[in-house]
PDB file of N, CA and C in Angstrom:
ATOM      1  N   MET A   1       1.119  -1.467   0.286  1.00  0.00           N
ATOM      2  CA  MET A   1      -0.032  -0.150  -0.019  1.00  0.00           C
ATOM      3  C   MET A   1       1.144   1.373   0.026  1.00  0.00           C
ATOM      4  N   ASP A   2       0.280   2.357  -0.668  1.00  0.00           N
ATOM      5  CA  ASP A   2       1.246   3.658  -0.888  1.00  0.00           C
ATOM      6  C   ASP A   2       0.143   4.905  -0.799  1.00  0.00           C
ATOM      7  N   ILE A   3       0.568   5.770  -0.282  1.00  0.00           N
ATOM      8  CA  ILE A   3      -0.666   6.640  -0.072  1.00  0.00           C
ATOM      9  C   ILE A   3       0.473   8.089  -0.843  1.00  0.00           C
ATOM     10  N   GLN A   4      -0.421   8.472  -1.904  1.00  0.00           N
ATOM     11  CA  GLN A   4       0.264   9.235  -3.072  1.00  0.00           C
ATOM     12  C   GLN A   4      -0.683  10.947  -2.968  1.00  0.00           C
ATOM     13  N   THR A   5      -0.662  11.699  -3.312  1.00  0.00           N
ATOM     14  CA  THR A   5      -1.082  13.185  -3.509  1.00  0.00           C
ATOM     15  C   THR A   5      -1.347  13.318  -4.713  1.00  0.00           C
ATOM     16  N   LEU A   6      -2.463  13.363  -5.340  1.00  0.00           N
ATOM     17  CA  LEU A   6      -2.624  13.709  -6.713  1.00  0.00           C
ATOM     18  C   LEU A   6      -3.733  14.683  -7.009  1.00  0.00           C
ATOM     19  N   ARG A   7      -3.133  15.140  -8.250  1.00  0.00           N
ATOM     20  CA  ARG A   7      -3.585  16.668  -8.289  1.00  0.00           C
ATOM     21  C   ARG A   7      -4.414  16.866 -10.110  1.00  0.00           C
ATOM     22  N   GLY A   8      -5.769  17.734  -9.763  1.00  0.00           N
ATOM     23  CA  GLY A   8      -6.005  17.138 -11.364  1.00  0.00           C
ATOM     24  C   GLY A   8      -7.931  17.627 -10.916  1.00  0.00           C
ATOM     25  N   THR A   9      -8.267  17.543 -12.390  1.00  0.00           N
ATOM     26  CA  THR A   9      -9.685  18.250 -12.370  1.00  0.00           C
ATOM     27  C   THR A   9     -10.413  17.072 -12.586  1.00  0.00           C
ATOM     28  N   VAL A  10     -11.906  17.147 -11.312  1.00  0.00           N
ATOM     29  CA  VAL A  10     -12.814  16.184 -11.265  1.00  0.00           C
ATOM     30  C   VAL A  10     -13.572  15.934 -12.415  1.00  0.00           C
ATOM     31  N   THR A  11     -14.064  14.708 -13.932  1.00  0.00           N
ATOM     32  CA  THR A  11     -14.333  14.954 -14.453  1.00  0.00           C
ATOM     33  C   THR A  11     -15.910  14.475 -14.512  1.00  0.00           C
ATOM     34  N   ASP A  12     -15.652  13.417 -13.770  1.00  0.00           N
ATOM     35  CA  ASP A  12     -16.988  12.499 -13.469  1.00  0.00           C
ATOM     36  C   ASP A  12     -17.095  11.977 -12.117  1.00  0.00           C
ATOM     37  N   ILE A  13     -18.344  12.171 -11.276  1.00  0.00           N
ATOM     38  CA  ILE A  13     -18.239  11.650 -10.291  1.00  0.00           C
ATOM     39  C   ILE A  13     -19.782  10.192 -10.638  1.00  0.00           C
ATOM     40  N   LYS A  14     -19.770   8.959 -10.146  1.00  0.00           N
ATOM     41  CA  LYS A  14     -20.993   8.401 -10.250  1.00  0.00           C
ATOM     42  C   LYS A  14     -21.002   7.473  -8.954  1.00  0.00           C
ATOM     43  N   ARG A  15     -22.260   7.715  -8.344  1.00  0.00           N
ATOM     44  CA  ARG A  15     -22.668   7.052  -7.072  1.00  0.00           C
ATOM     45  C   ARG A  15     -23.176   5.789  -7.488  1.00  0.00           C
ATOM     46  N   LEU A  16     -22.373   4.730  -6.761  1.00  0.00           N
ATOM     47  CA  LEU A  16     -22.360   3.248  -6.518  1.00  0.00           C
ATOM     48  C   LEU A  16     -23.075   3.050  -5.285  1.00  0.00           C
ATOM     49  N   ALA A  17     -23.621   1.709  -5.554  1.00  0.00           N
ATOM     50  CA  ALA A  17     -24.623   1.340  -4.118  1.00  0.00           C
ATOM     51  C   ALA A  17     -23.818   1.822  -2.751  1.00  0.00           C
ATOM     52  N   ASN A  18     -24.841   2.015  -2.193  1.00  0.00           N
ATOM     53  CA  ASN A  18     -24.740   2.215  -0.321  1.00  0.00           C
ATOM     54  C   ASN A  18     -24.183   1.258   0.331  1.00  0.00           C
ATOM     55  N   SER A  19     -23.079   1.289   1.120  1.00  0.00           N
ATOM     56  CA  SER A  19     -22.251   0.510   2.116  1.00  0.00           C
ATOM     57  C   SER A  19     -23.696  -0.425   2.529  1.00  0.00           C
ATOM     58  N   TYR A  20     -23.219  -1.932   3.572  1.00  0.00           N
ATOM     59  CA  TYR A  20     -23.888  -2.287   4.221  1.00  0.00           C
ATOM     60  C   TYR A  20     -24.628  -1.367   5.434  1.00  0.00           C
ATOM     61  N   ASN A  21     -24.079  -0.357   6.079  1.00  0.00           N
ATOM     62  CA  ASN A  21     -24.215   0.216   6.887  1.00  0.00           C
ATOM     63  C   ASN A  21     -25.313   1.595   6.393  1.00  0.00           C
ATOM     64  N   GLY A  22     -25.222   2.015   4.683  1.00  0.00           N
ATOM     65  CA  GLY A  22     -26.519   2.660   4.375  1.00  0.00           C
ATOM     66  C   GLY A  22     -25.606   3.708   4.121  1.00  0.00           C
ATOM     67  N   ASN A  23     -24.190   4.067   3.959  1.00  0.00           N
ATOM     68  CA  ASN A  23     -23.247   4.912   4.111  1.00  0.00           C
ATOM     69  C   ASN A  23     -23.037   5.098   2.165  1.00  0.00           C
ATOM     70  N   PRO A  24     -22.634   6.399   1.620  1.00  0.00           N
ATOM     71  CA  PRO A  24     -22.640   6.173   0.235  1.00  0.00           C
ATOM     72  C   PRO A  24     -21.303   5.979  -0.207  1.00  0.00           C
ATOM     73  N   ASN A  25     -21.093   5.663  -1.348  1.00  0.00           N
ATOM     74  CA  ASN A  25     -19.779   5.043  -2.008  1.00  0.00           C
ATOM     75  C   ASN A  25     -20.091   5.899  -3.609  1.00  0.00           C
ATOM     76  N   PHE A  26     -18.652   6.301  -3.969  1.00  0.00           N
ATOM     77  CA  PHE A  26     -19.100   7.435  -5.684  1.00  0.00           C
ATOM     78  C   PHE A  26     -17.239   6.476  -6.068  1.00  0.00           C
ATOM     79  N   LYS A  27     -17.296   6.815  -7.162  1.00  0.00           N
ATOM     80  CA  LYS A  27     -15.914   6.500  -8.262  1.00  0.00           C
ATOM     81  C   LYS A  27     -16.178   7.357  -8.668  1.00  0.00           C
ATOM     82  N   ILE A  28     -14.921   8.229  -8.802  1.00  0.00           N
ATOM     83  CA  ILE A  28     -14.526   9.537  -9.206  1.00  0.00           C
ATOM     84  C   ILE A  28     -13.255   9.589 -10.626  1.00  0.00           C
ATOM     85  N   ILE A  29     -13.915  10.150 -11.553  1.00  0.00           N
ATOM     86  CA  ILE A  29     -12.802  10.242 -12.419  1.00  0.00           C
ATOM     87  C   ILE A  29     -12.027  11.724 -12.217  1.00  0.00           C
ATOM     88  N   LEU A  30     -10.322  11.685 -12.152  1.00  0.00           N
ATOM     89  CA  LEU A  30      -9.559  12.257 -11.842  1.00  0.00           C
ATOM     90  C   LEU A  30      -8.662  12.731 -12.945  1.00  0.00           C
ATOM     91  N   THR A  31      -8.917  13.817 -13.716  1.00  0.00           N
ATOM     92  CA  THR A  31      -8.056  14.386 -15.002  1.00  0.00           C
ATOM     93  C   THR A  31      -7.095  14.947 -14.874  1.00  0.00           C
ATOM     94  N   ASP A  32      -5.365  13.851 -15.209  1.00  0.00           N
ATOM     95  CA  ASP A  32      -4.504  14.785 -14.606  1.00  0.00           C
ATOM     96  C   ASP A  32      -3.841  16.220 -15.377  1.00  0.00           C
ATOM     97  N   ASN A  33      -3.122  17.032 -15.492  1.00  0.00           N
ATOM     98  CA  ASN A  33      -2.633  18.004 -16.430  1.00  0.00           C
ATOM     99  C   ASN A  33      -2.493  17.388 -17.597  1.00  0.00           C
ATOM    100  N   ASN A  34      -1.794  15.930 -17.762  1.00  0.00           N
ATOM    101  CA  ASN A  34      -1.464  15.732 -18.817  1.00  0.00           C
ATOM    102  C   ASN A  34      -2.426  14.294 -19.726  1.00  0.00           C
ATOM    103  N   GLY A  35      -3.660  14.967 -19.178  1.00  0.00           N
ATOM    104  CA  GLY A  35      -4.913  14.194 -19.901  1.00  0.00           C
ATOM    105  C   GLY A  35      -5.074  12.930 -19.273  1.00  0.00           C
ATOM    106  N   HIS A  36      -4.472  12.301 -18.487  1.00  0.00           N
ATOM    107  CA  HIS A  36      -4.561  10.876 -18.145  1.00  0.00           C
ATOM    108  C   HIS A  36      -5.739  10.782 -16.934  1.00  0.00           C
ATOM    109  N   GLU A  37      -6.619  10.075 -17.070  1.00  0.00           N
ATOM    110  CA  GLU A  37      -7.683  10.013 -16.067  1.00  0.00           C
ATOM    111  C   GLU A  37      -7.765   8.777 -15.488  1.00  0.00           C
ATOM    112  N   LEU A  38      -7.670   8.936 -13.799  1.00  0.00           N
ATOM    113  CA  LEU A  38      -7.414   7.866 -12.632  1.00  0.00           C
ATOM    114  C   LEU A  38      -8.835   7.879 -12.318  1.00  0.00           C
ATOM    115  N   ILE A  39      -9.129   6.442 -12.082  1.00  0.00           N
ATOM    116  CA  ILE A  39     -10.390   5.979 -11.502  1.00  0.00           C
ATOM    117  C   ILE A  39     -10.219   5.910  -9.982  1.00  0.00           C
ATOM    118  N   ILE A  40     -10.888   6.809  -9.174  1.00  0.00           N
ATOM    119  CA  ILE A  40     -10.614   6.459  -7.852  1.00  0.00           C
ATOM    120  C   ILE A  40     -11.988   6.348  -7.228  1.00  0.00           C
ATOM    121  N   GLY A  41     -11.906   5.397  -5.914  1.00  0.00           N
ATOM    122  CA  GLY A  41     -12.924   4.849  -5.500  1.00  0.00           C
ATOM    123  C   GLY A  41     -13.101   5.446  -4.537  1.00  0.00           C
ATOM    124  N   THR A  42     -14.079   5.197  -3.810  1.00  0.00           N
ATOM    125  CA  THR A  42     -13.786   5.731  -1.690  1.00  0.00           C
ATOM    126  C   THR A  42     -14.215   3.838  -0.901  1.00  0.00           C
ATOM    127  N   ILE A  43     -13.645   4.429   0.110  1.00  0.00           N
ATOM    128  CA  ILE A  43     -13.946   3.644   1.079  1.00  0.00           C
ATOM    129  C   ILE A  43     -15.513   3.346   1.817  1.00  0.00           C
ATOM    130  N   ASN A  44     -15.792   2.004   1.599  1.00  0.00           N
ATOM    131  CA  ASN A  44     -17.262   1.916   2.588  1.00  0.00           C
ATOM    132  C   ASN A  44     -16.818   2.637   3.999  1.00  0.00           C
ATOM    133  N   ASP A  45     -18.131   3.474   4.557  1.00  0.00           N
ATOM    134  CA  ASP A  45     -18.008   4.203   5.982  1.00  0.00           C
ATOM    135  C   ASP A  45     -17.227   4.832   6.224  1.00  0.00           C
ATOM    136  N   TYR A  46     -16.417   5.784   5.329  1.00  0.00           N
ATOM    137  CA  TYR A  46     -15.482   6.449   5.611  1.00  0.00           C
ATOM    138  C   TYR A  46     -15.876   8.006   5.318  1.00  0.00           C
ATOM    139  N   MET A  47     -15.799   8.428   6.180  1.00  0.00           N
ATOM    140  CA  MET A  47     -16.225  10.032   6.156  1.00  0.00           C
ATOM    141  C   MET A  47     -16.462  10.846   5.105  1.00  0.00           C
ATOM    142  N   ILE A  48     -15.115  10.796   4.587  1.00  0.00           N
ATOM    143  CA  ILE A  48     -14.584  11.701   3.259  1.00  0.00           C
ATOM    144  C   ILE A  48     -15.398  11.504   2.269  1.00  0.00           C
ATOM    145  N   ASN A  49     -16.592  10.296   2.283  1.00  0.00           N
ATOM    146  CA  ASN A  49     -17.383  10.133   1.422  1.00  0.00           C
ATOM    147  C   ASN A  49     -18.517  11.531   1.359  1.00  0.00           C
ATOM    148  N   TYR A  50     -19.029  11.668   2.391  1.00  0.00           N
ATOM    149  CA  TYR A  50     -19.722  12.703   2.617  1.00  0.00           C
ATOM    150  C   TYR A  50     -19.598  14.038   2.096  1.00  0.00           C
ATOM    151  N   ARG A  51     -17.710  14.546   1.770  1.00  0.00           N
ATOM    152  CA  ARG A  51     -17.869  15.150   0.979  1.00  0.00           C
ATOM    153  C   ARG A  51     -18.079  16.009  -0.428  1.00  0.00           C
ATOM    154  N   VAL A  52     -17.731  14.084  -0.779  1.00  0.00           N
ATOM    155  CA  VAL A  52     -17.740  14.297  -2.534  1.00  0.00           C
ATOM    156  C   VAL A  52     -19.599  14.795  -2.291  1.00  0.00           C
ATOM    157  N   SER A  53     -19.422  15.717  -4.079  1.00  0.00           N
ATOM    158  CA  SER A  53     -21.035  16.043  -4.143  1.00  0.00           C
ATOM    159  C   SER A  53     -20.516  16.553  -5.427  1.00  0.00           C
ATOM    160  N   ASN A  54     -21.736  17.117  -6.403  1.00  0.00           N
ATOM    161  CA  ASN A  54     -21.729  17.666  -7.796  1.00  0.00           C
ATOM    162  C   ASN A  54     -20.548  19.079  -7.574  1.00  0.00           C
ATOM    163  N   VAL A  55     -20.698  19.357  -6.610  1.00  0.00           N
ATOM    164  CA  VAL A  55     -19.413  20.687  -6.737  1.00  0.00           C
ATOM    165  C   VAL A  55     -18.237  20.473  -6.867  1.00  0.00           C
ATOM    166  N   MET A  56     -17.719  19.363  -6.932  1.00  0.00           N
ATOM    167  CA  MET A  56     -16.095  19.148  -7.092  1.00  0.00           C
ATOM    168  C   MET A  56     -16.248  19.009  -8.930  1.00  0.00           C
ATOM    169  N   LEU A  57     -17.157  18.539  -9.514  1.00  0.00           N
ATOM    170  CA  LEU A  57     -17.139  18.531 -10.919  1.00  0.00           C
ATOM    171  C   LEU A  57     -16.258  19.672 -11.533  1.00  0.00           C
ATOM    172  N   ASN A  58     -15.934  19.695 -12.973  1.00  0.00           N
ATOM    173  CA  ASN A  58     -15.206  20.714 -13.333  1.00  0.00           C
ATOM    174  C   ASN A  58     -13.876  21.509 -12.133  1.00  0.00           C
ATOM    175  N   GLN A  59     -13.758  21.082 -11.288  1.00  0.00           N
ATOM    176  CA  GLN A  59     -12.684  21.791 -10.066  1.00  0.00           C
ATOM    177  C   GLN A  59     -11.371  21.432  -9.930  1.00  0.00           C
ATOM    178  N   GLU A  60     -10.669  21.985 -10.194  1.00  0.00           N
ATOM    179  CA  GLU A  60      -9.005  21.547  -9.379  1.00  0.00           C
ATOM    180  C   GLU A  60      -8.782  20.984  -8.167  1.00  0.00           C
ATOM    181  N   VAL A  61      -8.574  20.060  -7.913  1.00  0.00           N
ATOM    182  CA  VAL A  61      -8.451  19.443  -6.202  1.00  0.00           C
ATOM    183  C   VAL A  61      -6.985  18.553  -6.020  1.00  0.00           C
ATOM    184  N   GLU A  62      -6.701  18.618  -4.854  1.00  0.00           N
ATOM    185  CA  GLU A  62      -5.677  17.524  -4.483  1.00  0.00           C
ATOM    186  C   GLU A  62      -6.222  16.723  -3.978  1.00  0.00           C
ATOM    187  N   MET A  63      -6.016  15.376  -4.345  1.00  0.00           N
ATOM    188  CA  MET A  63      -6.320  14.175  -3.143  1.00  0.00           C
ATOM    189  C   MET A  63      -5.848  13.022  -3.204  1.00  0.00           C
ATOM    190  N   LYS A  64      -5.923  12.845  -1.893  1.00  0.00           N
ATOM    191  CA  LYS A  64      -4.757  11.744  -0.694  1.00  0.00           C
ATOM    192  C   LYS A  64      -5.497  10.511  -1.068  1.00  0.00           C
ATOM    193  N   VAL A  65      -4.894   9.564  -1.975  1.00  0.00           N
ATOM    194  CA  VAL A  65      -5.301   8.194  -1.811  1.00  0.00           C
ATOM    195  C   VAL A  65      -4.566   7.307  -2.111  1.00  0.00           C
ATOM    196  N   LYS A  66      -4.935   5.850  -1.508  1.00  0.00           N
ATOM    197  CA  LYS A  66      -4.229   5.310  -0.838  1.00  0.00           C
ATOM    198  C   LYS A  66      -4.387   4.165  -2.381  1.00  0.00           C
ATOM    199  N   VAL A  67      -3.155   3.928  -3.071  1.00  0.00           N
ATOM    200  CA  VAL A  67      -3.192   3.164  -4.193  1.00  0.00           C
ATOM    201  C   VAL A  67      -2.327   1.244  -3.453  1.00  0.00           C
ATOM    202  N   ASN A  68      -2.860   0.818  -3.965  1.00  0.00           N
ATOM    203  CA  ASN A  68      -2.285  -0.842  -4.101  1.00  0.00           C
ATOM    204  C   ASN A  68      -2.331  -1.244  -5.856  1.00  0.00           C
ATOM    205  N   ARG A  69      -2.371  -2.316  -5.947  1.00  0.00           N
ATOM    206  CA  ARG A  69      -1.886  -3.245  -7.241  1.00  0.00           C
ATOM    207  C   ARG A  69      -3.825  -2.963  -7.775  1.00  0.00           C
ATOM    208  N   ARG A  70      -4.529  -3.659  -7.170  1.00  0.00           N
ATOM    209  CA  ARG A  70      -5.743  -3.216  -7.822  1.00  0.00           C
ATOM    210  C   ARG A  70      -6.946  -1.754  -7.987  1.00  0.00           C
ATOM    211  N   THR A  71      -6.632  -1.274  -6.666  1.00  0.00           N
ATOM    212  CA  THR A  71      -7.221   0.082  -6.464  1.00  0.00           C
ATOM    213  C   THR A  71      -6.342   0.915  -6.210  1.00  0.00           C
ATOM    214  N   THR A  72      -7.375   1.937  -6.406  1.00  0.00           N
ATOM    215  CA  THR A  72      -6.684   3.333  -5.675  1.00  0.00           C
ATOM    216  C   THR A  72      -8.157   4.133  -5.339  1.00  0.00           C
ATOM    217  N   LYS A  73      -8.165   4.395  -3.425  1.00  0.00           N
ATOM    218  CA  LYS A  73      -8.815   4.728  -2.639  1.00  0.00           C
ATOM    219  C   LYS A  73      -8.601   6.049  -2.165  1.00  0.00           C
ATOM    220  N   LEU A  74      -9.848   6.981  -1.974  1.00  0.00           N
ATOM    221  CA  LEU A  74      -9.682   8.053  -1.783  1.00  0.00           C
ATOM    222  C   LEU A  74      -9.620   8.400   0.016  1.00  0.00           C
ATOM    223  N   LEU A  75      -8.700   9.081   0.358  1.00  0.00           N
ATOM    224  CA  LEU A  75      -8.424   9.240   1.781  1.00  0.00           C
ATOM    225  C   LEU A  75      -8.830  10.796   2.660  1.00  0.00           C
ATOM    226  N   ASP A  76      -8.239  11.571   1.472  1.00  0.00           N
ATOM    227  CA  ASP A  76      -9.071  13.123   1.514  1.00  0.00           C
ATOM    228  C   ASP A  76      -8.744  14.026   0.451  1.00  0.00           C
ATOM    229  N   ALA A  77      -9.630  15.228   0.248  1.00  0.00           N
ATOM    230  CA  ALA A  77      -9.917  15.881  -0.856  1.00  0.00           C
ATOM    231  C   ALA A  77      -9.659  16.943  -0.675  1.00  0.00           C
ATOM    232  N   LYS A  78      -9.266  18.054  -1.286  1.00  0.00           N
ATOM    233  CA  LYS A  78      -9.422  19.494  -1.010  1.00  0.00           C
ATOM    234  C   LYS A  78      -8.969  20.541  -2.265  1.00  0.00           C
ATOM    235  N   PRO A  79      -9.206  21.469  -2.245  1.00  0.00           N
ATOM    236  CA  PRO A  79      -9.558  22.636  -3.487  1.00  0.00           C
ATOM    237  C   PRO A  79      -7.715  22.605  -3.644  1.00  0.00           C
ATOM    238  N   THR A  80      -7.450  22.804  -4.534  1.00  0.00           N
ATOM    239  CA  THR A  80      -5.851  23.666  -4.797  1.00  0.00           C
ATOM    240  C   THR A  80      -5.576  24.894  -4.392  1.00  0.00           C
ATOM    241  N   ASP A  81      -4.674  25.320  -3.754  1.00  0.00           N
ATOM    242  CA  ASP A  81      -4.819  26.558  -3.375  1.00  0.00           C
ATOM    243  C   ASP A  81      -5.087  27.787  -4.475  1.00  0.00           C
ATOM    244  N   GLU A  82      -4.814  27.451  -5.573  1.00  0.00           N
ATOM    245  CA  GLU A  82      -5.588  28.641  -6.986  1.00  0.00           C
ATOM    246  C   GLU A  82      -7.438  28.667  -7.052  1.00  0.00           C
ATOM    247  N   GLN A  83      -7.913  26.901  -6.084  1.00  0.00           N
ATOM    248  CA  GLN A  83      -8.965  26.872  -6.568  1.00  0.00           C
ATOM    249  C   GLN A  83     -10.105  28.144  -5.127  1.00  0.00           C
ATOM    250  N   ARG A  84      -8.956  27.781  -3.494  1.00  0.00           N
ATOM    251  CA  ARG A  84      -9.130  27.892  -2.766  1.00  0.00           C
ATOM    252  C   ARG A  84      -9.189  29.610  -3.017  1.00  0.00           C
ATOM    253  N   MET A  85      -8.205  30.635  -3.261  1.00  0.00           N
ATOM    254  CA  MET A  85      -8.210  31.447  -3.421  1.00  0.00           C
ATOM    255  C   MET A  85      -9.444  32.481  -4.456  1.00  0.00           C
ATOM    256  N   ALA A  86      -9.820  31.671  -5.467  1.00  0.00           N
ATOM    257  CA  ALA A  86     -11.286  31.998  -6.034  1.00  0.00           C
ATOM    258  C   ALA A  86     -12.346  32.008  -5.563  1.00  0.00           C
ATOM    259  N   TYR A  87     -12.729  30.919  -4.631  1.00  0.00           N
ATOM    260  CA  TYR A  87     -13.680  30.805  -3.415  1.00  0.00           C
ATOM    261  C   TYR A  87     -13.470  32.074  -2.793  1.00  0.00           C
ATOM    262  N   ASP A  88     -11.910  32.484  -2.005  1.00  0.00           N
ATOM    263  CA  ASP A  88     -12.216  33.439  -1.216  1.00  0.00           C
ATOM    264  C   ASP A  88     -12.596  34.916  -1.761  1.00  0.00           C
ATOM    265  N   LEU A  89     -12.302  35.042  -2.961  1.00  0.00           N
ATOM    266  CA  LEU A  89     -12.589  36.091  -3.797  1.00  0.00           C
ATOM    267  C   LEU A  89     -13.582  36.166  -4.383  1.00  0.00           C
ATOM    268  N   GLU A  90     -14.622  35.262  -4.175  1.00  0.00           N
ATOM    269  CA  GLU A  90     -15.984  35.131  -4.522  1.00  0.00           C
ATOM    270  C   GLU A  90     -16.273  35.499  -3.221  1.00  0.00           C
ATOM    271  N   TRP A  91     -16.352  34.547  -2.496  1.00  0.00           N
ATOM    272  CA  TRP A  91     -16.604  35.168  -0.888  1.00  0.00           C
ATOM    273  C   TRP A  91     -16.803  36.996  -0.973  1.00  0.00           C
ATOM    274  N   TYR A  92     -15.615  37.489  -1.129  1.00  0.00           N
ATOM    275  CA  TYR A  92     -15.809  38.652  -0.245  1.00  0.00           C
ATOM    276  C   TYR A  92     -16.170  39.541  -1.300  1.00  0.00           C
ATOM    277  N   ALA A  93     -16.302  39.520  -2.925  1.00  0.00           N
ATOM    278  CA  ALA A  93     -17.215  40.079  -3.817  1.00  0.00           C
ATOM    279  C   ALA A  93     -18.667  40.399  -3.082  1.00  0.00           C
ATOM    280  N   LYS A  94     -19.027  39.095  -2.739  1.00  0.00           N
ATOM    281  CA  LYS A  94     -21.062  38.669  -2.017  1.00  0.00           C
ATOM    282  C   LYS A  94     -20.828  39.743  -1.375  1.00  0.00           C
ATOM    283  N   GLN A  95     -19.752  39.635   0.051  1.00  0.00           N
ATOM    284  CA  GLN A  95     -20.226  40.301   1.247  1.00  0.00           C
ATOM    285  C   GLN A  95     -19.691  41.902   0.946  1.00  0.00           C
ATOM    286  N   VAL A  96     -19.043  41.972  -0.050  1.00  0.00           N
ATOM    287  CA  VAL A  96     -19.359  43.796  -0.145  1.00  0.00           C
ATOM    288  C   VAL A  96     -20.120  44.254  -1.031  1.00  0.00           C
ATOM    289  N   LYS A  97     -20.854  43.572  -1.734  1.00  0.00           N
ATOM    290  CA  LYS A  97     -22.271  43.601  -2.436  1.00  0.00           C
ATOM    291  C   LYS A  97     -23.014  44.276  -1.132  1.00  0.00           C
ATOM    292  N   SER A  98     -23.469  42.709  -0.336  1.00  0.00           N
ATOM    293  CA  SER A  98     -24.155  43.200   0.775  1.00  0.00           C
ATOM    294  C   SER A  98     -23.978  43.966   1.361  1.00  0.00           C
ATOM    295  N   ILE A  99     -22.849  44.558   1.613  1.00  0.00           N
ATOM    296  CA  ILE A  99     -22.784  45.463   3.276  1.00  0.00           C
ATOM    297  C   ILE A  99     -22.740  46.995   1.888  1.00  0.00           C
ATOM    298  N   THR A 100     -22.745  46.752   0.513  1.00  0.00           N
ATOM    299  CA  THR A 100     -22.983  48.583  -0.237  1.00  0.00           C
ATOM    300  C   THR A 100     -24.632  48.363  -0.040  1.00  0.00           C
ATOM    301  N   LYS A 101     -25.608  46.667  -0.626  1.00  0.00           N
ATOM    302  CA  LYS A 101     -26.964  47.064  -0.184  1.00  0.00           C
ATOM    303  C   LYS A 101     -27.619  47.726   0.916  1.00  0.00           C
ATOM    304  N   THR A 102     -26.559  47.108   2.261  1.00  0.00           N
ATOM    305  CA  THR A 102     -27.200  47.524   3.280  1.00  0.00           C
ATOM    306  C   THR A 102     -27.451  49.367   3.401  1.00  0.00           C
ATOM    307  N   THR A 103     -25.661  50.022   3.386  1.00  0.00           N
ATOM    308  CA  THR A 103     -25.913  51.178   3.275  1.00  0.00           C
ATOM    309  C   THR A 103     -26.377  52.067   2.295  1.00  0.00           C
ATOM    310  N   GLU A 104     -26.481  51.478   1.049  1.00  0.00           N
ATOM    311  CA  GLU A 104     -27.470  52.515   0.187  1.00  0.00           C
ATOM    312  C   GLU A 104     -29.004  52.284   1.089  1.00  0.00           C
ATOM    313  N   SER A 105     -29.096  51.474   1.694  1.00  0.00           N
ATOM    314  CA  SER A 105     -30.755  51.388   2.043  1.00  0.00           C
ATOM    315  C   SER A 105     -31.291  52.590   3.177  1.00  0.00           C
TER     316      SER A 105
END
């Protein structure tokens, strides 16, 4: 077993059957900068599965994965620094708009 950090764009997310305990499972397609597609599955009953959503589609992310001979499983996912900065700027712009509206009223 090897733990690696992968960086790329999420191009597809497929919902799989729930685990025995009723928790969600997903198959994620991550495309790296060279155009290679990596298939990443989620581990049964793992908390990260609840953070996987369609919001991740077409977003650049960093994923920590567990790799062995047969599978690649998701351990953690977060937006890249550039993506996080874009979120922060968008949030800041919304705050400025709301403050401007309240001061104009």
